Amino acid sequence: MADTPTTPVRTYPHGVPSWIDLETHDVDAALAFYADLFGWRYTERLPPGAPGRYVVASLDGTDATAVGAIGTPSAGFDGEVLWHTYIAVDDADAAAARVVELGGIVSSGPEDVGPPGEPAGRMARIVDPQGATCRLVQAGTRPGAQSVNAPGTWNFSNLHTPDMDAALRFYGPLLGWEHYADLGGGMLRVPGYGDHLARTFDPGIYERQEGAPDGFADVAAGILRADGPAHWSVTFSVADRDASAAAAERAGATVLARQETEWTKEAAIRDPFGAELSLSQFSPPEWFEEARGGD
């Protein structure tokens, strides 16, 4: 009997955002909202009787298309509902210690998270020196998001900061991030990430990105200069920005802004629970479509 083909597991090297989740007191309402918006299907991850809920979202109900999760607030919840970005690290304990050395705060952990006996990973919640919160995770049974960049999935996480240089002095030594002007003002790379993708999950990445600036395949996150408190934001891919924004509004969300870039059409929204996120439709310029032969 022939072997059944399997899809390679997407793994994330040190310094690359790998997972997202939303904490809210009204899990059922959030599940319904995002199922309508993105077509997600769900799997409860905590056993019956466990305190709280953690529900993994996917495109087809399997781990092979996992996108992120929605769950009840964890200990220390401050009342702010938001999408959290998790960044992969090789060693959560060592990374947490480095956070403190670099002037950040470890607000909880490191600790094993997930079902008893089969932790999804080892995680630490951190606050950078400018006040932005994120989470560092050493993968366990859950390697990270498996479906990304397609409509209905996570596309990108951006760090918004009033002082990019100060942010890079923290995240550079901690996560290996490098910032190059040739990649665009807001792009951060993890050297070797493109090679990792080519070797594991995405063998055609360099051929597909032929003509892109050197280092483009290594891009892992974004950094944007912004007034106000430093924070992370999460962007989701959609097939049609306007249709998705309209659907979100009908379900109780608020559209905060719309913008067009050279490559995307975007909408910033606030969901009915208070979490902000961006919807991004890939909309490349005509010359790019012509170069691809109209594909």
Protein backbone atom coordinates (compact mmCIF):
# COMPACT_ATOMS: atom_id res chain seq x y z
CA MET A 1 0.00 0.00 0.00
CA ALA A 2 1.35 3.42 -0.92
CA ASP A 3 2.13 5.85 1.87
CA THR A 4 -0.42 8.61 2.34
CA PRO A 5 1.16 11.99 1.55
CA THR A 6 1.40 14.25 4.57
CA THR A 7 1.73 18.01 4.80
CA PRO A 8 4.97 19.10 6.46
CA VAL A 9 4.58 20.60 9.92
CA ARG A 10 5.33 24.33 10.01
CA THR A 11 7.91 25.04 12.70
CA TYR A 12 9.29 28.36 13.89
CA PRO A 13 12.90 29.18 14.71
CA HIS A 14 13.94 31.42 17.57
CA GLY A 15 12.69 34.99 17.13
CA VAL A 16 9.79 34.32 14.75
CA PRO A 17 6.18 35.00 15.84
CA SER A 18 4.51 31.60 15.95
CA TRP A 19 1.03 31.80 17.50
CA ILE A 20 -1.79 34.16 18.41
CA ASP A 21 -4.70 33.99 20.80
CA LEU A 22 -7.54 36.09 22.16
CA GLU A 23 -8.64 36.16 25.79
CA THR A 24 -12.23 37.13 26.53
CA HIS A 25 -14.86 36.38 29.16
CA ASP A 26 -17.45 35.65 26.45
CA VAL A 27 -15.76 32.79 24.63
CA ASP A 28 -18.91 31.48 22.94
CA ALA A 29 -19.78 34.87 21.45
CA ALA A 30 -16.20 35.33 20.23
CA LEU A 31 -16.22 31.89 18.63
CA ALA A 32 -19.40 32.76 16.76
CA PHE A 33 -18.10 36.15 15.61
CA TYR A 34 -14.82 34.81 14.21
CA ALA A 35 -16.45 31.75 12.67
CA ASP A 36 -18.71 34.08 10.70
CA LEU A 37 -15.87 36.43 9.79
CA PHE A 38 -13.15 33.94 8.87
CA GLY A 39 -14.91 30.59 8.49
CA TRP A 40 -13.06 29.07 11.44
CA ARG A 41 -13.83 25.70 13.00
CA TYR A 42 -12.96 24.90 16.59
CA THR A 43 -11.54 22.26 18.90
CA GLU A 44 -11.73 22.46 22.70
CA ARG A 45 -8.26 21.78 24.10
CA LEU A 46 -8.81 21.60 27.86
CA PRO A 47 -10.39 18.48 29.37
CA PRO A 48 -13.89 18.60 30.90
CA GLY A 49 -13.82 20.03 34.38
CA ALA A 50 -10.63 22.03 33.82
CA PRO A 51 -10.76 25.67 34.89
CA GLY A 52 -11.39 27.92 31.92
CA ARG A 53 -11.45 27.13 28.21
CA TYR A 54 -8.89 27.19 25.40
CA VAL A 55 -10.37 26.64 21.96
CA VAL A 56 -8.07 26.21 18.95
CA ALA A 57 -9.30 27.71 15.68
CA SER A 58 -8.55 26.12 12.32
CA LEU A 59 -9.76 26.15 8.74
CA ASP A 60 -10.94 22.55 8.66
CA GLY A 61 -11.17 21.40 12.27
CA THR A 62 -7.74 19.75 12.34
CA ASP A 63 -4.35 20.69 13.74
CA ALA A 64 -2.98 20.72 10.19
CA THR A 65 -4.76 24.04 9.54
CA ALA A 66 -4.55 25.57 13.04
CA VAL A 67 -4.67 29.37 13.01
CA GLY A 68 -4.75 30.49 16.65
CA ALA A 69 -7.00 30.22 19.69
CA ILE A 70 -9.70 31.88 21.76
CA GLY A 71 -9.87 31.29 25.49
CA THR A 72 -10.92 32.56 28.88
CA PRO A 73 -8.62 35.07 30.58
CA SER A 74 -5.59 33.71 32.37
CA ALA A 75 -4.42 34.69 35.83
CA GLY A 76 -3.44 38.34 36.00
CA PHE A 77 -5.92 39.45 33.32
CA ASP A 78 -6.12 43.24 33.49
CA GLY A 79 -9.44 43.62 31.68
CA GLU A 80 -8.01 44.61 28.29
CA VAL A 81 -9.23 42.29 25.55
CA LEU A 82 -6.65 41.90 22.80
CA TRP A 83 -5.02 39.50 20.38
CA HIS A 84 -1.74 38.28 21.84
CA THR A 85 1.35 37.54 19.77
CA TYR A 86 3.58 34.63 20.81
CA ILE A 87 7.20 34.62 19.66
CA ALA A 88 9.14 31.37 19.35
CA VAL A 89 12.24 30.90 21.49
CA ASP A 90 14.58 27.95 21.80
CA ASP A 91 14.64 28.06 25.61
CA ALA A 92 11.87 29.91 27.45
CA ASP A 93 13.76 30.02 30.75
CA ALA A 94 16.92 31.44 29.21
CA ALA A 95 14.93 33.94 27.15
CA ALA A 96 13.00 35.12 30.21
CA ALA A 97 16.24 35.71 32.07
CA ARG A 98 17.53 37.72 29.10
CA VAL A 99 14.36 39.85 29.13
CA VAL A 100 15.23 41.05 32.63
CA GLU A 101 18.87 41.68 31.70
CA LEU A 102 17.71 43.88 28.82
CA GLY A 103 15.38 45.98 30.97
CA GLY A 104 12.07 44.22 30.35
CA ILE A 105 9.67 42.60 32.79
CA VAL A 106 8.60 38.96 33.03
CA SER A 107 5.02 39.31 34.25
CA SER A 108 4.46 35.56 34.59
CA GLY A 109 6.23 32.28 33.95
CA PRO A 110 8.04 30.63 32.42
CA GLU A 111 5.53 27.81 32.86
CA ASP A 112 4.23 24.83 30.96
CA VAL A 113 0.86 25.53 29.30
CA GLY A 114 -1.72 23.23 27.78
CA PRO A 115 -3.37 19.95 28.73
CA PRO A 116 -1.82 18.15 31.72
CA GLY A 117 0.86 15.69 30.69
CA GLU A 118 1.19 17.01 27.13
CA PRO A 119 2.06 20.71 27.35
CA ALA A 120 1.58 22.74 24.20
CA GLY A 121 4.71 24.65 25.16
CA ARG A 122 6.57 26.55 27.83
CA MET A 123 5.53 30.18 27.95
CA ALA A 124 6.48 33.48 29.58
CA ARG A 125 4.46 36.69 29.46
CA ILE A 126 6.72 39.70 29.08
CA VAL A 127 6.57 43.48 28.94
CA ASP A 128 9.24 45.26 26.91
CA PRO A 129 10.95 48.40 28.29
CA GLN A 130 8.43 50.62 26.46
CA GLY A 131 5.40 48.79 27.83
CA ALA A 132 4.39 46.52 24.94
CA THR A 133 3.23 43.06 26.04
CA CYS A 134 3.84 39.80 24.20
CA ARG A 135 4.54 36.18 25.02
CA LEU A 136 7.58 34.01 24.47
CA VAL A 137 6.94 30.34 23.80
CA GLN A 138 9.14 27.29 23.56
CA ALA A 139 7.19 24.81 21.45
CA GLY A 140 5.94 21.57 22.94
CA THR A 141 3.18 19.52 21.36
CA ARG A 142 1.93 22.58 19.47
CA PRO A 143 4.59 23.88 17.04
CA GLY A 144 2.62 27.02 16.16
CA ALA A 145 0.15 28.22 13.55
CA GLN A 146 -0.05 25.88 10.57
CA SER A 147 -2.18 27.98 8.19
CA VAL A 148 -0.91 31.50 7.62
CA ASN A 149 -1.16 34.21 4.96
CA ALA A 150 -4.25 32.70 3.29
CA PRO A 151 -7.70 34.31 3.58
CA GLY A 152 -9.07 33.72 7.06
CA THR A 153 -5.66 33.22 8.68
CA TRP A 154 -3.04 35.19 10.55
CA ASN A 155 -0.86 37.25 8.24
CA PHE A 156 1.50 39.35 10.36
CA SER A 157 2.17 40.89 13.76
CA ASN A 158 3.49 44.44 14.11
CA LEU A 159 5.18 46.19 17.01
CA HIS A 160 4.06 49.82 17.32
CA THR A 161 6.55 51.92 19.22
CA PRO A 162 7.40 55.61 19.73
CA ASP A 163 11.11 54.76 19.69
CA MET A 164 12.21 52.18 17.14
CA ASP A 165 15.88 52.36 18.12
CA ALA A 166 15.08 51.65 21.76
CA ALA A 167 12.82 48.76 20.76
CA LEU A 168 15.54 47.22 18.62
CA ARG A 169 18.06 47.49 21.47
CA PHE A 170 15.73 45.17 23.39
CA TYR A 171 14.39 42.79 20.75
CA GLY A 172 17.61 42.55 18.74
CA PRO A 173 19.70 40.84 21.43
CA LEU A 174 16.68 38.93 22.75
CA LEU A 175 15.31 37.52 19.49
CA GLY A 176 18.00 38.10 16.87
CA TRP A 177 15.97 40.69 14.94
CA GLU A 178 17.68 42.82 12.33
CA HIS A 179 16.26 45.87 10.58
CA TYR A 180 17.33 46.80 7.04
CA ALA A 181 16.11 49.84 5.14
CA ASP A 182 16.23 47.89 1.84
CA LEU A 183 13.38 45.71 3.10
CA GLY A 184 11.11 48.68 3.77
CA GLY A 185 10.81 50.85 6.84
CA GLY A 186 8.70 48.44 8.86
CA MET A 187 10.18 45.02 8.16
CA LEU A 188 12.24 42.97 10.60
CA ARG A 189 14.18 39.89 9.63
CA VAL A 190 15.47 36.87 11.50
CA PRO A 191 18.59 35.81 9.57
CA GLY A 192 18.22 32.24 8.37
CA TYR A 193 14.41 32.17 8.54
CA GLY A 194 14.10 31.91 4.76
CA ASP A 195 16.56 29.00 4.73
CA HIS A 196 14.54 27.35 7.49
CA LEU A 197 11.34 27.67 5.44
CA ALA A 198 13.03 26.36 2.29
CA ARG A 199 14.41 23.38 4.20
CA THR A 200 11.16 22.51 5.96
CA PHE A 201 7.73 23.83 5.04
CA ASP A 202 8.19 25.99 1.94
CA PRO A 203 10.83 24.60 -0.46
CA GLY A 204 9.82 26.99 -3.25
CA ILE A 205 10.09 30.22 -1.28
CA TYR A 206 13.18 31.57 -3.03
CA GLU A 207 11.89 30.82 -6.52
CA ARG A 208 8.55 32.41 -5.67
CA GLN A 209 10.26 35.53 -4.31
CA GLU A 210 12.73 35.89 -7.14
CA GLY A 211 13.46 39.58 -7.63
CA ALA A 212 12.65 40.51 -4.03
CA PRO A 213 15.28 42.38 -1.99
CA ASP A 214 17.96 40.30 -0.31
CA GLY A 215 16.72 39.10 3.04
CA PHE A 216 13.02 39.36 2.18
CA ALA A 217 12.45 35.66 2.87
CA ASP A 218 13.78 36.25 6.39
CA VAL A 219 11.07 38.81 7.26
CA ALA A 220 9.31 37.68 10.43
CA ALA A 221 7.57 40.70 11.95
CA GLY A 222 6.94 44.39 11.51
CA ILE A 223 7.94 47.48 13.46
CA LEU A 224 6.14 50.78 13.07
CA ARG A 225 6.81 54.16 14.62
CA ALA A 226 3.66 55.33 16.37
CA ASP A 227 2.71 57.85 19.03
CA GLY A 228 1.10 56.60 22.20
CA PRO A 229 1.83 53.51 24.29
CA ALA A 230 3.89 50.79 22.65
CA HIS A 231 1.84 47.73 21.71
CA TRP A 232 1.57 44.75 19.38
CA SER A 233 -1.09 44.39 16.71
CA VAL A 234 -2.29 41.41 14.66
CA THR A 235 -3.28 41.36 10.97
CA PHE A 236 -5.44 38.73 9.28
CA SER A 237 -5.57 37.98 5.55
CA VAL A 238 -8.92 38.29 3.79
CA ALA A 239 -9.98 37.77 0.19
CA ASP A 240 -12.00 41.01 0.06
CA ARG A 241 -11.35 43.80 2.56
CA ASP A 242 -14.60 45.67 2.01
CA ALA A 243 -16.77 42.56 2.17
CA SER A 244 -15.02 41.37 5.33
CA ALA A 245 -15.26 44.79 6.98
CA ALA A 246 -18.96 44.95 6.16
CA ALA A 247 -19.51 41.46 7.58
CA ALA A 248 -17.66 42.43 10.76
CA GLU A 249 -19.84 45.54 11.13
CA ARG A 250 -23.01 43.53 10.72
CA ALA A 251 -21.80 41.23 13.52
CA GLY A 252 -21.22 44.15 15.89
CA ALA A 253 -17.64 45.25 15.15
CA THR A 254 -16.56 48.83 14.51
CA VAL A 255 -14.51 49.81 11.48
CA LEU A 256 -11.87 52.24 12.72
CA ALA A 257 -10.01 53.05 9.50
CA ARG A 258 -9.34 51.97 5.94
CA GLN A 259 -6.20 52.43 3.89
CA GLU A 260 -4.57 51.31 0.66
CA THR A 261 -0.88 50.58 0.22
CA GLU A 262 1.05 49.58 -2.88
CA TRP A 263 0.42 45.93 -2.07
CA THR A 264 -2.66 45.76 0.16
CA LYS A 265 -6.10 47.07 1.00
CA GLU A 266 -6.52 47.19 4.77
CA ALA A 267 -9.14 47.90 7.39
CA ALA A 268 -8.62 48.33 11.11
CA ILE A 269 -11.54 47.07 13.18
CA ARG A 270 -12.53 46.65 16.81
CA ASP A 271 -14.41 43.42 17.49
CA PRO A 272 -17.53 43.37 19.69
CA PHE A 273 -15.40 42.41 22.70
CA GLY A 274 -12.96 45.32 22.43
CA ALA A 275 -10.01 43.68 20.66
CA GLU A 276 -8.51 45.55 17.72
CA LEU A 277 -7.20 43.80 14.61
CA SER A 278 -6.49 44.52 10.95
CA LEU A 279 -7.96 42.91 7.84
CA SER A 280 -5.60 42.82 4.85
CA GLN A 281 -6.41 41.99 1.24
CA PHE A 282 -3.43 41.30 -1.03
CA SER A 283 -3.81 43.75 -3.90
CA PRO A 284 -0.53 43.97 -5.82
CA PRO A 285 0.24 46.61 -8.47
CA GLU A 286 -0.44 45.91 -12.13
CA TRP A 287 3.23 45.52 -12.98
CA PHE A 288 3.51 42.65 -10.49
CA GLU A 289 0.51 40.83 -11.96
CA GLU A 290 1.92 41.34 -15.46
CA ALA A 291 5.30 39.96 -14.37
CA ARG A 292 3.52 36.86 -13.03
CA GLY A 293 1.74 36.41 -16.32
CA GLY A 294 -1.66 37.36 -14.93
CA ASP A 295 -1.81 34.39 -12.49
